[in-house]
Amino acid sequence: MTEETLKKILSELEMIRKIKMIELTERGYSQSKIGDALGISQASVSRMMASKKVPNPKADKKPDKQ
């Protein structure tokens, strides 16, 4: 395998990890549970969410005003 192929594979794996992180966040999983599911630490999940602006539906929800 070439270095370019390995970089492409790693990039695709990172994208899959981010997609899964978003999915689990939307389902209400804690950062710790997300880390367990993805094989990374809670601190890594926190950093990724902060640096990549992964949406947090709980943080975005505001009470409905009628």
Protein backbone atom coordinates (compact mmCIF):
# COMPACT_ATOMS: atom_id res chain seq x y z
CA MET A 1 0.00 0.00 0.00
CA THR A 2 1.19 3.45 -0.79
CA GLU A 3 1.31 6.28 1.71
CA GLU A 4 -1.38 8.10 -0.26
CA THR A 5 -3.70 5.08 -0.04
CA LEU A 6 -3.17 4.84 3.71
CA LYS A 7 -3.94 8.55 4.15
CA LYS A 8 -7.15 8.12 2.15
CA ILE A 9 -8.21 5.14 4.27
CA LEU A 10 -7.50 7.03 7.50
CA SER A 11 -9.45 10.03 6.25
CA GLU A 12 -12.45 7.85 5.40
CA LEU A 13 -12.30 6.16 8.80
CA GLU A 14 -12.25 9.56 10.50
CA MET A 15 -15.32 10.61 8.52
CA ILE A 16 -17.14 7.44 9.54
CA ARG A 17 -16.21 8.08 13.18
CA LYS A 18 -17.59 11.64 12.98
CA ILE A 19 -20.83 10.45 11.39
CA LYS A 20 -21.28 7.85 14.10
CA MET A 21 -20.48 10.44 16.77
CA ILE A 22 -23.22 12.72 15.42
CA GLU A 23 -25.67 9.82 15.30
CA LEU A 24 -24.97 8.78 18.87
CA THR A 25 -25.13 12.39 20.08
CA GLU A 26 -28.55 12.76 18.48
CA ARG A 27 -29.67 9.58 20.23
CA GLY A 28 -28.70 11.12 23.58
CA TYR A 29 -25.59 9.09 24.34
CA SER A 30 -23.11 10.60 26.78
CA GLN A 31 -19.60 11.46 25.63
CA SER A 32 -18.33 8.56 27.72
CA LYS A 33 -20.66 6.07 26.01
CA ILE A 34 -19.77 7.50 22.60
CA GLY A 35 -16.09 7.05 23.41
CA ASP A 36 -16.69 3.46 24.45
CA ALA A 37 -18.58 2.75 21.23
CA LEU A 38 -15.89 4.32 19.04
CA GLY A 39 -12.91 2.98 20.96
CA ILE A 40 -11.68 6.41 22.04
CA SER A 41 -11.62 8.28 25.33
CA GLN A 42 -14.32 10.65 26.56
CA ALA A 43 -11.73 13.43 26.43
CA SER A 44 -11.13 12.69 22.74
CA VAL A 45 -14.87 12.82 22.07
CA SER A 46 -15.05 16.16 23.86
CA ARG A 47 -12.14 17.58 21.86
CA MET A 48 -13.57 16.36 18.57
CA MET A 49 -16.97 17.81 19.36
CA ALA A 50 -15.47 21.16 20.32
CA SER A 51 -13.00 21.42 17.46
CA LYS A 52 -15.18 20.07 14.68
CA LYS A 53 -18.40 21.71 15.81
CA VAL A 54 -20.32 18.45 16.01
CA PRO A 55 -23.93 19.48 16.64
CA ASN A 56 -25.33 18.82 20.08
CA PRO A 57 -29.11 18.71 19.75
CA LYS A 58 -29.61 19.05 23.51
CA ALA A 59 -27.63 22.28 23.60
CA ASP A 60 -29.45 23.73 20.60
CA LYS A 61 -32.96 23.08 21.82
CA LYS A 62 -34.77 26.04 23.32
CA PRO A 63 -38.16 25.93 25.01
CA ASP A 64 -41.01 26.59 22.62
CA LYS A 65 -42.60 29.98 23.14
CA GLN A 66 -46.24 30.13 22.11
